[in-house]
């Protein structure tokens, strides 16, 4: 249950970090890449049964 909630929150944060505004287009994909990395780590921990 906790893992599912955590994945949903991370996916929402991933979509929120997409550069859609004119001032955030200069940031590139760094925010999205960082959140994507966290999402991958959480998914791996869920598969291994650590969470």
N, C-alpha and C. Protein backbone atom coordinates (compact mmCIF):
# COMPACT_ATOMS: atom_id res chain seq x y z
N UNK A 1 0.83 -1.19 0.00
CA UNK A 1 0.00 0.00 0.00
C UNK A 1 0.87 1.25 0.00
N UNK A 2 1.88 1.27 0.84
CA UNK A 2 2.77 2.43 0.91
C UNK A 2 3.53 2.61 -0.40
N UNK A 3 3.94 1.51 -1.00
CA UNK A 3 4.67 1.58 -2.26
C UNK A 3 3.83 2.16 -3.38
N UNK A 4 2.56 1.79 -3.43
CA UNK A 4 1.66 2.30 -4.46
C UNK A 4 1.46 3.80 -4.31
N UNK A 5 1.27 4.25 -3.10
CA UNK A 5 1.11 5.68 -2.84
C UNK A 5 2.37 6.43 -3.21
N UNK A 6 3.53 5.87 -2.88
CA UNK A 6 4.80 6.50 -3.20
C UNK A 6 5.01 6.61 -4.70
N UNK A 7 4.66 5.56 -5.45
CA UNK A 7 4.81 5.61 -6.90
C UNK A 7 3.88 6.65 -7.51
N UNK A 8 2.66 6.74 -7.04
CA UNK A 8 1.71 7.72 -7.57
C UNK A 8 2.22 9.13 -7.31
N UNK A 9 2.72 9.39 -6.13
CA UNK A 9 3.25 10.72 -5.81
C UNK A 9 4.46 11.05 -6.68
N UNK A 10 5.34 10.08 -6.89
CA UNK A 10 6.51 10.33 -7.72
C UNK A 10 6.14 10.54 -9.19
N UNK A 11 5.15 9.83 -9.69
CA UNK A 11 4.71 10.05 -11.08
C UNK A 11 4.10 11.44 -11.23
N UNK A 12 3.31 11.87 -10.27
CA UNK A 12 2.75 13.22 -10.33
C UNK A 12 3.85 14.27 -10.26
N UNK A 13 4.86 14.05 -9.43
CA UNK A 13 5.98 14.99 -9.36
C UNK A 13 6.77 14.99 -10.66
N UNK A 14 6.87 13.84 -11.30
CA UNK A 14 7.57 13.75 -12.58
C UNK A 14 6.86 14.57 -13.65
N UNK A 15 5.55 14.48 -13.71
CA UNK A 15 4.80 15.30 -14.67
C UNK A 15 4.85 16.78 -14.31
N UNK A 16 4.91 17.09 -13.04
CA UNK A 16 5.00 18.49 -12.61
C UNK A 16 6.34 19.12 -12.91
N UNK A 17 7.37 18.31 -13.09
CA UNK A 17 8.70 18.85 -13.36
C UNK A 17 8.98 19.05 -14.84
N UNK A 18 8.04 18.70 -15.71
CA UNK A 18 8.26 18.91 -17.14
C UNK A 18 8.35 20.40 -17.45
N UNK A 19 9.30 20.80 -18.29
CA UNK A 19 9.47 22.24 -18.59
C UNK A 19 8.38 22.76 -19.53
N UNK A 20 7.31 23.29 -18.97
CA UNK A 20 6.21 23.80 -19.77
C UNK A 20 6.17 25.32 -19.81
N UNK A 21 6.75 25.99 -18.86
CA UNK A 21 6.69 27.44 -18.79
C UNK A 21 7.91 28.03 -19.49
N UNK A 22 7.80 29.26 -19.93
CA UNK A 22 8.89 29.88 -20.67
C UNK A 22 10.15 30.03 -19.82
N UNK A 23 10.02 30.33 -18.54
CA UNK A 23 11.21 30.49 -17.70
C UNK A 23 11.85 29.16 -17.34
N UNK A 24 11.11 28.06 -17.38
CA UNK A 24 11.67 26.78 -16.99
C UNK A 24 12.25 26.00 -18.18
N UNK A 25 12.08 26.50 -19.39
CA UNK A 25 12.64 25.81 -20.54
C UNK A 25 14.16 25.88 -20.54
N UNK A 26 14.74 26.87 -19.88
CA UNK A 26 16.19 26.99 -19.80
C UNK A 26 16.79 25.95 -18.86
N UNK A 27 16.00 25.35 -18.00
CA UNK A 27 16.50 24.37 -17.05
C UNK A 27 16.86 23.05 -17.74
N UNK A 28 16.28 22.81 -18.89
CA UNK A 28 16.50 21.54 -19.59
C UNK A 28 15.68 20.44 -18.93
N UNK A 29 16.21 19.23 -18.96
CA UNK A 29 15.48 18.10 -18.40
C UNK A 29 16.06 17.64 -17.08
N UNK A 30 16.83 18.48 -16.41
CA UNK A 30 17.44 18.09 -15.13
C UNK A 30 16.40 17.76 -14.06
N UNK A 31 15.37 18.58 -13.84
CA UNK A 31 14.38 18.21 -12.81
C UNK A 31 13.66 16.90 -13.14
N UNK A 32 13.30 16.72 -14.40
CA UNK A 32 12.61 15.51 -14.80
C UNK A 32 13.52 14.29 -14.68
N UNK A 33 14.77 14.46 -15.06
CA UNK A 33 15.72 13.36 -14.98
C UNK A 33 15.98 12.92 -13.55
N UNK A 34 16.06 13.88 -12.64
CA UNK A 34 16.27 13.54 -11.23
C UNK A 34 15.08 12.81 -10.64
N UNK A 35 13.88 13.28 -10.95
CA UNK A 35 12.68 12.60 -10.45
C UNK A 35 12.51 11.24 -11.10
N UNK A 36 12.89 11.13 -12.37
CA UNK A 36 12.83 9.83 -13.04
C UNK A 36 13.77 8.83 -12.41
N UNK A 37 14.94 9.29 -12.01
CA UNK A 37 15.90 8.42 -11.34
C UNK A 37 15.36 7.94 -10.00
N UNK A 38 14.74 8.84 -9.25
CA UNK A 38 14.13 8.45 -7.97
C UNK A 38 13.01 7.45 -8.20
N UNK A 39 12.21 7.66 -9.26
CA UNK A 39 11.12 6.74 -9.57
C UNK A 39 11.66 5.36 -9.92
N UNK A 40 12.73 5.29 -10.68
CA UNK A 40 13.32 4.00 -11.03
C UNK A 40 13.84 3.29 -9.79
N UNK A 41 14.48 4.02 -8.89
CA UNK A 41 14.99 3.42 -7.66
C UNK A 41 13.85 2.87 -6.81
N UNK A 42 12.76 3.62 -6.70
CA UNK A 42 11.62 3.16 -5.90
C UNK A 42 11.00 1.92 -6.52
N UNK A 43 10.89 1.87 -7.84
CA UNK A 43 10.33 0.70 -8.51
C UNK A 43 11.22 -0.52 -8.28
N UNK A 44 12.53 -0.33 -8.37
CA UNK A 44 13.44 -1.45 -8.11
C UNK A 44 13.32 -1.94 -6.67
N UNK A 45 13.21 -1.02 -5.73
CA UNK A 45 13.04 -1.43 -4.32
C UNK A 45 11.71 -2.15 -4.12
N UNK A 46 10.67 -1.73 -4.82
CA UNK A 46 9.39 -2.44 -4.71
C UNK A 46 9.48 -3.85 -5.27
N UNK A 47 10.17 -4.00 -6.39
CA UNK A 47 10.30 -5.32 -6.99
C UNK A 47 11.11 -6.25 -6.08
N UNK A 48 12.14 -5.69 -5.44
CA UNK A 48 12.96 -6.50 -4.54
C UNK A 48 12.29 -6.74 -3.19
N UNK A 49 11.20 -6.04 -2.92
CA UNK A 49 10.47 -6.25 -1.66
C UNK A 49 11.05 -5.49 -0.49
N UNK A 50 11.81 -4.45 -0.73
CA UNK A 50 12.41 -3.66 0.35
C UNK A 50 11.47 -2.60 0.92
N UNK A 51 10.44 -2.25 0.16
CA UNK A 51 9.49 -1.24 0.63
C UNK A 51 8.18 -1.93 0.94
